């Protein structure tokens, strides 16, 4: 009788240990926790990325009078007969140093706004200038339960959250569809946004299109978390099961 009571106590202790171990493993696996959702708008606005510190711009100025436009295009020699156009790095103050014009504020503006501003400024030096501005380091990062996590460069400066997940090979079967997280930096602040891929309202969200440097994280579901907990503690579990079997053998003699 005493042996049976000890056996029951052992099973209770084992169940508590396994429960606590599972909880600890959950906290280790999930990257972000307790993130509040963001209220969604009914309609989606036309998206244009805003220039940020550290962005790299390629700016080309042309005109009918090609010689007049030459001073506003920077090149470096790439050989005896070729040259490479230089790019502009947005500094910590949000400026670029443009030929002749000097420092120009670009942070917080879209490519279209920068184009219009430069066109107006250059009109004092060139007749009918044509300005082309491109953001060449637009990239996003996809992490978590996707087939190919990593950082991806987007050449056309426009990509949706669905497009980003497509680049990463789609969610794995163990990824949560209802709580995909976007990490975004805006105006010197970092915020976390939860997105529900199973809800059609996603298409009307102001966060449907991603900004440069956005990070998308797909959480693992409970099945993945539980399997990871079991895998990490396989030795303890096997040892515990062996002990239980031994106890059962003793009690049934």
C-alpha atoms as a PDB file:
ATOM      1  CA  UNK A   1       0.000   0.000   0.000  1.00  0.00           C
ATOM      2  CA  UNK A   2       2.832   2.338   0.915  1.00  0.00           C
ATOM      3  CA  UNK A   3       4.536   1.524  -2.376  1.00  0.00           C
ATOM      4  CA  UNK A   4       1.373   2.406  -4.322  1.00  0.00           C
ATOM      5  CA  UNK A   5       1.166   5.787  -2.562  1.00  0.00           C
ATOM      6  CA  UNK A   6       4.787   6.495  -3.453  1.00  0.00           C
ATOM      7  CA  UNK A   7       4.028   5.570  -7.056  1.00  0.00           C
ATOM      8  CA  UNK A   8       1.089   8.008  -7.218  1.00  0.00           C
ATOM      9  CA  UNK A   9       3.175  10.811  -5.686  1.00  0.00           C
ATOM     10  CA  UNK A  10       5.922  10.174  -8.229  1.00  0.00           C
ATOM     11  CA  UNK A  11       3.475  10.462 -11.125  1.00  0.00           C
ATOM     12  CA  UNK A  12       2.144  13.766  -9.743  1.00  0.00           C
ATOM     13  CA  UNK A  13       5.659  15.172  -9.374  1.00  0.00           C
ATOM     14  CA  UNK A  14       6.514  14.023 -12.910  1.00  0.00           C
ATOM     15  CA  UNK A  15       3.456  15.733 -14.381  1.00  0.00           C
ATOM     16  CA  UNK A  16       4.320  19.009 -12.612  1.00  0.00           C
ATOM     17  CA  UNK A  17       7.917  18.868 -13.861  1.00  0.00           C
ATOM     18  CA  UNK A  18       6.818  18.266 -17.450  1.00  0.00           C
ATOM     19  CA  UNK A  19       4.285  21.127 -17.274  1.00  0.00           C
ATOM     20  CA  UNK A  20       6.847  23.610 -15.942  1.00  0.00           C
ATOM     21  CA  UNK A  21       9.397  22.503 -18.539  1.00  0.00           C
ATOM     22  CA  UNK A  22       6.853  23.027 -21.306  1.00  0.00           C
ATOM     23  CA  UNK A  23       6.079  26.583 -20.090  1.00  0.00           C
ATOM     24  CA  UNK A  24       9.753  27.539 -19.966  1.00  0.00           C
ATOM     25  CA  UNK A  25      10.305  26.201 -23.472  1.00  0.00           C
ATOM     26  CA  UNK A  26       7.401  28.288 -24.784  1.00  0.00           C
ATOM     27  CA  UNK A  27       8.988  31.507 -23.527  1.00  0.00           C
ATOM     28  CA  UNK A  28      12.258  30.596 -25.202  1.00  0.00           C
ATOM     29  CA  UNK A  29      10.754  29.794 -28.583  1.00  0.00           C
ATOM     30  CA  UNK A  30       8.365  32.749 -29.087  1.00  0.00           C
ATOM     31  CA  UNK A  31      10.260  35.891 -30.103  1.00  0.00           C
ATOM     32  CA  UNK A  32       7.556  38.466 -29.263  1.00  0.00           C
ATOM     33  CA  UNK A  33       4.845  38.186 -26.629  1.00  0.00           C
ATOM     34  CA  UNK A  34       1.849  40.267 -25.468  1.00  0.00           C
ATOM     35  CA  UNK A  35       1.797  42.428 -28.612  1.00  0.00           C
ATOM     36  CA  UNK A  36      -1.351  44.502 -29.091  1.00  0.00           C
ATOM     37  CA  UNK A  37      -2.940  44.712 -32.537  1.00  0.00           C
ATOM     38  CA  UNK A  38      -3.266  47.865 -34.597  1.00  0.00           C
ATOM     39  CA  UNK A  39      -6.656  49.277 -35.665  1.00  0.00           C
ATOM     40  CA  UNK A  40      -7.140  48.858 -39.399  1.00  0.00           C
ATOM     41  CA  UNK A  41      -8.597  51.349 -41.877  1.00  0.00           C
ATOM     42  CA  UNK A  42     -11.389  50.478 -44.284  1.00  0.00           C
ATOM     43  CA  UNK A  43      -9.442  51.503 -47.393  1.00  0.00           C
ATOM     44  CA  UNK A  44      -5.784  51.218 -48.274  1.00  0.00           C
ATOM     45  CA  UNK A  45      -3.965  54.360 -49.365  1.00  0.00           C
ATOM     46  CA  UNK A  46      -1.489  54.524 -52.235  1.00  0.00           C
ATOM     47  CA  UNK A  47       1.818  53.492 -50.688  1.00  0.00           C
ATOM     48  CA  UNK A  48       5.082  55.345 -51.203  1.00  0.00           C
ATOM     49  CA  UNK A  49       8.088  54.536 -49.018  1.00  0.00           C
ATOM     50  CA  UNK A  50       9.499  57.442 -47.023  1.00  0.00           C
ATOM     51  CA  UNK A  51      13.242  57.897 -47.071  1.00  0.00           C
ATOM     52  CA  UNK A  52      15.035  56.967 -43.841  1.00  0.00           C
ATOM     53  CA  UNK A  53      18.488  57.514 -42.387  1.00  0.00           C
ATOM     54  CA  UNK A  54      20.946  55.049 -43.889  1.00  0.00           C
ATOM     55  CA  UNK A  55      19.030  54.710 -47.169  1.00  0.00           C
ATOM     56  CA  UNK A  56      21.014  54.786 -50.395  1.00  0.00           C
ATOM     57  CA  UNK A  57      19.670  56.859 -53.287  1.00  0.00           C
ATOM     58  CA  UNK A  58      20.591  56.835 -56.940  1.00  0.00           C
ATOM     59  CA  UNK A  59      19.860  60.220 -58.513  1.00  0.00           C
ATOM     60  CA  UNK A  60      20.284  60.988 -62.197  1.00  0.00           C
ATOM     61  CA  UNK A  61      19.887  64.438 -63.725  1.00  0.00           C
ATOM     62  CA  UNK A  62      19.481  64.896 -67.473  1.00  0.00           C
ATOM     63  CA  UNK A  63      18.479  67.661 -69.900  1.00  0.00           C
ATOM     64  CA  UNK A  64      18.487  68.536 -73.569  1.00  0.00           C
ATOM     65  CA  UNK A  65      21.729  70.387 -72.906  1.00  0.00           C
ATOM     66  CA  UNK A  66      23.757  67.432 -71.623  1.00  0.00           C
ATOM     67  CA  UNK A  67      26.757  69.569 -70.702  1.00  0.00           C
ATOM     68  CA  UNK A  68      24.610  71.705 -68.394  1.00  0.00           C
ATOM     69  CA  UNK A  69      23.474  68.576 -66.519  1.00  0.00           C
ATOM     70  CA  UNK A  70      26.961  67.060 -66.169  1.00  0.00           C
ATOM     71  CA  UNK A  71      27.966  68.882 -62.925  1.00  0.00           C
ATOM     72  CA  UNK A  72      24.925  67.409 -61.154  1.00  0.00           C
ATOM     73  CA  UNK A  73      25.870  63.776 -61.812  1.00  0.00           C
ATOM     74  CA  UNK A  74      28.744  62.250 -59.867  1.00  0.00           C
ATOM     75  CA  UNK A  75      30.805  59.445 -61.408  1.00  0.00           C
ATOM     76  CA  UNK A  76      33.928  57.550 -60.469  1.00  0.00           C
ATOM     77  CA  UNK A  77      36.293  56.067 -62.974  1.00  0.00           C
ATOM     78  CA  UNK A  78      35.854  52.315 -63.407  1.00  0.00           C
ATOM     79  CA  UNK A  79      38.567  51.941 -66.030  1.00  0.00           C
ATOM     80  CA  UNK A  80      40.163  53.670 -68.957  1.00  0.00           C
ATOM     81  CA  UNK A  81      36.934  53.899 -70.946  1.00  0.00           C
ATOM     82  CA  UNK A  82      34.130  53.462 -68.397  1.00  0.00           C
ATOM     83  CA  UNK A  83      32.755  55.141 -65.284  1.00  0.00           C
ATOM     84  CA  UNK A  84      30.308  54.298 -62.508  1.00  0.00           C
ATOM     85  CA  UNK A  85      27.619  56.626 -61.203  1.00  0.00           C
ATOM     86  CA  UNK A  86      27.932  57.354 -57.490  1.00  0.00           C
ATOM     87  CA  UNK A  87      25.081  56.983 -55.033  1.00  0.00           C
ATOM     88  CA  UNK A  88      23.989  59.142 -52.102  1.00  0.00           C
ATOM     89  CA  UNK A  89      23.897  57.865 -48.511  1.00  0.00           C
ATOM     90  CA  UNK A  90      21.311  59.553 -46.279  1.00  0.00           C
ATOM     91  CA  UNK A  91      23.304  60.730 -43.247  1.00  0.00           C
ATOM     92  CA  UNK A  92      22.349  60.692 -39.559  1.00  0.00           C
ATOM     93  CA  UNK A  93      20.703  64.091 -39.974  1.00  0.00           C
ATOM     94  CA  UNK A  94      18.540  62.858 -42.859  1.00  0.00           C
ATOM     95  CA  UNK A  95      20.454  64.808 -45.528  1.00  0.00           C
ATOM     96  CA  UNK A  96      22.378  64.071 -48.712  1.00  0.00           C
ATOM     97  CA  UNK A  97      25.223  66.199 -50.066  1.00  0.00           C
ATOM     98  CA  UNK A  98      24.215  67.031 -53.633  1.00  0.00           C
ATOM     99  CA  UNK A  99      26.607  68.562 -56.205  1.00  0.00           C
ATOM    100  CA  UNK A 100      26.434  72.365 -56.430  1.00  0.00           C
ATOM    101  CA  UNK A 101      23.250  72.502 -54.313  1.00  0.00           C
ATOM    102  CA  UNK A 102      24.918  71.249 -51.112  1.00  0.00           C
ATOM    103  CA  UNK A 103      23.011  69.539 -48.295  1.00  0.00           C
ATOM    104  CA  UNK A 104      19.398  68.653 -49.043  1.00  0.00           C
ATOM    105  CA  UNK A 105      16.894  67.217 -46.555  1.00  0.00           C
ATOM    106  CA  UNK A 106      15.423  63.947 -47.835  1.00  0.00           C
ATOM    107  CA  UNK A 107      14.423  61.993 -44.718  1.00  0.00           C
ATOM    108  CA  UNK A 108      10.671  61.587 -44.394  1.00  0.00           C
ATOM    109  CA  UNK A 109      10.041  62.411 -48.063  1.00  0.00           C
ATOM    110  CA  UNK A 110       8.990  60.068 -50.862  1.00  0.00           C
ATOM    111  CA  UNK A 111      10.962  59.700 -54.091  1.00  0.00           C
ATOM    112  CA  UNK A 112       8.303  61.745 -55.877  1.00  0.00           C
ATOM    113  CA  UNK A 113       8.627  64.610 -53.389  1.00  0.00           C
ATOM    114  CA  UNK A 114      12.424  64.573 -53.662  1.00  0.00           C
ATOM    115  CA  UNK A 115      12.180  64.543 -57.456  1.00  0.00           C
ATOM    116  CA  UNK A 116       9.868  67.574 -57.458  1.00  0.00           C
ATOM    117  CA  UNK A 117      12.091  69.449 -55.006  1.00  0.00           C
ATOM    118  CA  UNK A 118      15.281  68.796 -56.985  1.00  0.00           C
ATOM    119  CA  UNK A 119      13.578  69.684 -60.256  1.00  0.00           C
ATOM    120  CA  UNK A 120      12.558  73.036 -58.815  1.00  0.00           C
ATOM    121  CA  UNK A 121      16.023  73.751 -57.399  1.00  0.00           C
ATOM    122  CA  UNK A 122      17.831  72.708 -60.598  1.00  0.00           C
ATOM    123  CA  UNK A 123      15.592  74.883 -62.766  1.00  0.00           C
ATOM    124  CA  UNK A 124      17.768  77.817 -61.736  1.00  0.00           C
ATOM    125  CA  UNK A 125      20.778  76.111 -63.373  1.00  0.00           C
ATOM    126  CA  UNK A 126      19.316  73.924 -66.143  1.00  0.00           C
ATOM    127  CA  UNK A 127      16.519  74.441 -68.635  1.00  0.00           C
ATOM    128  CA  UNK A 128      13.835  71.755 -68.263  1.00  0.00           C
ATOM    129  CA  UNK A 129      15.805  69.341 -66.042  1.00  0.00           C
ATOM    130  CA  UNK A 130      14.702  65.723 -65.795  1.00  0.00           C
ATOM    131  CA  UNK A 131      15.376  64.120 -62.405  1.00  0.00           C
ATOM    132  CA  UNK A 132      15.142  60.409 -61.619  1.00  0.00           C
ATOM    133  CA  UNK A 133      15.383  59.228 -57.995  1.00  0.00           C
ATOM    134  CA  UNK A 134      15.589  55.577 -56.922  1.00  0.00           C
ATOM    135  CA  UNK A 135      15.949  53.921 -53.532  1.00  0.00           C
ATOM    136  CA  UNK A 136      18.372  51.074 -54.177  1.00  0.00           C
ATOM    137  CA  UNK A 137      18.607  49.402 -50.750  1.00  0.00           C
ATOM    138  CA  UNK A 138      14.921  48.673 -50.083  1.00  0.00           C
ATOM    139  CA  UNK A 139      15.001  45.410 -48.147  1.00  0.00           C
ATOM    140  CA  UNK A 140      12.793  43.393 -45.816  1.00  0.00           C
ATOM    141  CA  UNK A 141      13.524  40.510 -43.439  1.00  0.00           C
ATOM    142  CA  UNK A 142      11.315  37.458 -42.837  1.00  0.00           C
ATOM    143  CA  UNK A 143      11.937  35.297 -39.748  1.00  0.00           C
ATOM    144  CA  UNK A 144      10.285  32.429 -37.913  1.00  0.00           C
ATOM    145  CA  UNK A 145       8.117  29.648 -39.310  1.00  0.00           C
ATOM    146  CA  UNK A 146       8.717  30.141 -43.038  1.00  0.00           C
ATOM    147  CA  UNK A 147      10.494  27.831 -45.452  1.00  0.00           C
ATOM    148  CA  UNK A 148      13.365  30.224 -46.296  1.00  0.00           C
ATOM    149  CA  UNK A 149      13.911  32.893 -43.602  1.00  0.00           C
ATOM    150  CA  UNK A 150      16.279  35.714 -44.526  1.00  0.00           C
ATOM    151  CA  UNK A 151      16.704  39.262 -45.797  1.00  0.00           C
ATOM    152  CA  UNK A 152      15.440  40.105 -49.290  1.00  0.00           C
ATOM    153  CA  UNK A 153      16.147  43.111 -51.514  1.00  0.00           C
ATOM    154  CA  UNK A 154      13.119  44.584 -53.301  1.00  0.00           C
ATOM    155  CA  UNK A 155      14.108  46.366 -56.550  1.00  0.00           C
ATOM    156  CA  UNK A 156      10.767  48.081 -57.253  1.00  0.00           C
ATOM    157  CA  UNK A 157      10.360  49.685 -53.785  1.00  0.00           C
ATOM    158  CA  UNK A 158       6.923  48.127 -53.300  1.00  0.00           C
ATOM    159  CA  UNK A 159       5.992  44.824 -51.680  1.00  0.00           C
ATOM    160  CA  UNK A 160       3.068  43.577 -49.611  1.00  0.00           C
ATOM    161  CA  UNK A 161       3.239  41.329 -46.568  1.00  0.00           C
ATOM    162  CA  UNK A 162       1.910  38.493 -48.757  1.00  0.00           C
ATOM    163  CA  UNK A 163       4.645  39.155 -51.302  1.00  0.00           C
ATOM    164  CA  UNK A 164       7.303  39.074 -48.586  1.00  0.00           C
ATOM    165  CA  UNK A 165       6.015  35.757 -47.257  1.00  0.00           C
ATOM    166  CA  UNK A 166       5.999  34.466 -50.830  1.00  0.00           C
ATOM    167  CA  UNK A 167       9.690  35.389 -51.203  1.00  0.00           C
ATOM    168  CA  UNK A 168      10.393  33.370 -48.058  1.00  0.00           C
ATOM    169  CA  UNK A 169       8.658  30.311 -49.509  1.00  0.00           C
ATOM    170  CA  UNK A 170       5.341  30.658 -47.611  1.00  0.00           C
ATOM    171  CA  UNK A 171       4.601  29.771 -43.979  1.00  0.00           C
ATOM    172  CA  UNK A 172       5.403  26.299 -42.749  1.00  0.00           C
ATOM    173  CA  UNK A 173       2.523  24.155 -41.503  1.00  0.00           C
ATOM    174  CA  UNK A 174       3.627  25.039 -37.968  1.00  0.00           C
ATOM    175  CA  UNK A 175       3.411  28.834 -38.384  1.00  0.00           C
ATOM    176  CA  UNK A 176       0.633  30.909 -36.814  1.00  0.00           C
ATOM    177  CA  UNK A 177      -1.507  32.594 -39.459  1.00  0.00           C
ATOM    178  CA  UNK A 178      -3.431  34.839 -37.069  1.00  0.00           C
ATOM    179  CA  UNK A 179      -0.544  36.632 -35.342  1.00  0.00           C
ATOM    180  CA  UNK A 180       2.147  37.487 -37.875  1.00  0.00           C
ATOM    181  CA  UNK A 181       4.205  40.365 -36.488  1.00  0.00           C
ATOM    182  CA  UNK A 182       5.718  43.330 -38.337  1.00  0.00           C
ATOM    183  CA  UNK A 183       8.562  45.226 -36.645  1.00  0.00           C
ATOM    184  CA  UNK A 184       8.810  48.749 -38.065  1.00  0.00           C
ATOM    185  CA  UNK A 185      10.877  51.846 -37.315  1.00  0.00           C
ATOM    186  CA  UNK A 186       9.223  55.205 -37.924  1.00  0.00           C
ATOM    187  CA  UNK A 187      10.396  58.657 -36.853  1.00  0.00           C
ATOM    188  CA  UNK A 188      12.963  57.232 -34.469  1.00  0.00           C
ATOM    189  CA  UNK A 189      10.498  54.854 -32.801  1.00  0.00           C
ATOM    190  CA  UNK A 190      10.105  51.089 -33.089  1.00  0.00           C
ATOM    191  CA  UNK A 191       6.667  49.478 -33.040  1.00  0.00           C
ATOM    192  CA  UNK A 192       5.229  45.985 -33.319  1.00  0.00           C
ATOM    193  CA  UNK A 193       2.121  45.341 -35.413  1.00  0.00           C
ATOM    194  CA  UNK A 194       0.129  42.096 -35.462  1.00  0.00           C
ATOM    195  CA  UNK A 195      -1.464  40.927 -38.705  1.00  0.00           C
ATOM    196  CA  UNK A 196      -4.064  38.176 -39.214  1.00  0.00           C
ATOM    197  CA  UNK A 197      -3.470  36.416 -42.529  1.00  0.00           C
ATOM    198  CA  UNK A 198      -6.711  34.473 -42.171  1.00  0.00           C
ATOM    199  CA  UNK A 199      -8.856  37.635 -42.202  1.00  0.00           C
ATOM    200  CA  UNK A 200      -9.704  39.383 -45.461  1.00  0.00           C
ATOM    201  CA  UNK A 201      -9.484  42.747 -43.693  1.00  0.00           C
ATOM    202  CA  UNK A 202      -5.751  42.296 -44.137  1.00  0.00           C
ATOM    203  CA  UNK A 203      -6.130  43.616 -47.682  1.00  0.00           C
ATOM    204  CA  UNK A 204      -7.446  46.962 -46.362  1.00  0.00           C
ATOM    205  CA  UNK A 205      -4.801  47.386 -43.677  1.00  0.00           C
ATOM    206  CA  UNK A 206      -2.477  50.421 -43.836  1.00  0.00           C
ATOM    207  CA  UNK A 207       0.308  47.923 -43.090  1.00  0.00           C
ATOM    208  CA  UNK A 208      -0.497  45.629 -46.010  1.00  0.00           C
ATOM    209  CA  UNK A 209       2.396  47.214 -47.937  1.00  0.00           C
ATOM    210  CA  UNK A 210       5.755  47.072 -46.193  1.00  0.00           C
ATOM    211  CA  UNK A 211       8.274  49.838 -45.611  1.00  0.00           C
ATOM    212  CA  UNK A 212      12.004  49.383 -46.145  1.00  0.00           C
ATOM    213  CA  UNK A 213      13.777  47.554 -43.302  1.00  0.00           C
ATOM    214  CA  UNK A 214      10.533  46.004 -41.999  1.00  0.00           C
ATOM    215  CA  UNK A 215      10.966  42.675 -40.198  1.00  0.00           C
ATOM    216  CA  UNK A 216       8.195  40.053 -40.442  1.00  0.00           C
ATOM    217  CA  UNK A 217       8.114  37.365 -37.768  1.00  0.00           C
ATOM    218  CA  UNK A 218       5.915  34.259 -37.939  1.00  0.00           C
ATOM    219  CA  UNK A 219       5.328  32.635 -34.545  1.00  0.00           C
ATOM    220  CA  UNK A 220       5.337  28.837 -34.155  1.00  0.00           C
ATOM    221  CA  UNK A 221       2.030  27.224 -33.226  1.00  0.00           C
ATOM    222  CA  UNK A 222       1.441  25.141 -30.099  1.00  0.00           C
ATOM    223  CA  UNK A 223       2.251  21.901 -31.896  1.00  0.00           C
ATOM    224  CA  UNK A 224       5.731  23.179 -32.833  1.00  0.00           C
ATOM    225  CA  UNK A 225       6.321  24.559 -29.343  1.00  0.00           C
ATOM    226  CA  UNK A 226       5.258  21.312 -27.696  1.00  0.00           C
ATOM    227  CA  UNK A 227       7.372  19.200 -30.031  1.00  0.00           C
ATOM    228  CA  UNK A 228      10.364  21.442 -29.352  1.00  0.00           C
ATOM    229  CA  UNK A 229       9.788  21.109 -25.614  1.00  0.00           C
ATOM    230  CA  UNK A 230       9.648  17.335 -25.943  1.00  0.00           C
ATOM    231  CA  UNK A 231      12.771  17.285 -28.096  1.00  0.00           C
ATOM    232  CA  UNK A 232      14.751  19.498 -25.700  1.00  0.00           C
ATOM    233  CA  UNK A 233      13.798  17.318 -22.737  1.00  0.00           C
ATOM    234  CA  UNK A 234      13.799  13.926 -24.446  1.00  0.00           C
ATOM    235  CA  UNK A 235      16.448  12.561 -22.108  1.00  0.00           C
ATOM    236  CA  UNK A 236      14.521  13.559 -18.987  1.00  0.00           C
ATOM    237  CA  UNK A 237      11.269  12.178 -20.375  1.00  0.00           C
ATOM    238  CA  UNK A 238      12.808   8.842 -21.408  1.00  0.00           C
ATOM    239  CA  UNK A 239      14.474   8.523 -18.019  1.00  0.00           C
ATOM    240  CA  UNK A 240      11.191   9.344 -16.276  1.00  0.00           C
ATOM    241  CA  UNK A 241       9.257   6.823 -18.359  1.00  0.00           C
ATOM    242  CA  UNK A 242      11.859   4.154 -17.598  1.00  0.00           C
ATOM    243  CA  UNK A 243      11.512   4.880 -13.882  1.00  0.00           C
ATOM    244  CA  UNK A 244       7.718   4.650 -14.090  1.00  0.00           C
ATOM    245  CA  UNK A 245       7.961   1.319 -15.927  1.00  0.00           C
ATOM    246  CA  UNK A 246      10.336   0.025 -13.255  1.00  0.00           C
ATOM    247  CA  UNK A 247       7.947   1.092 -10.516  1.00  0.00           C
ATOM    248  CA  UNK A 248       5.028  -0.587 -12.271  1.00  0.00           C
ATOM    249  CA  UNK A 249       7.077  -3.786 -12.565  1.00  0.00           C
ATOM    250  CA  UNK A 250       7.838  -3.698  -8.825  1.00  0.00           C
ATOM    251  CA  UNK A 251       4.200  -3.062  -7.855  1.00  0.00           C
ATOM    252  CA  UNK A 252       2.861  -5.839 -10.040  1.00  0.00           C
ATOM    253  CA  UNK A 253       5.162  -8.570  -8.738  1.00  0.00           C
END
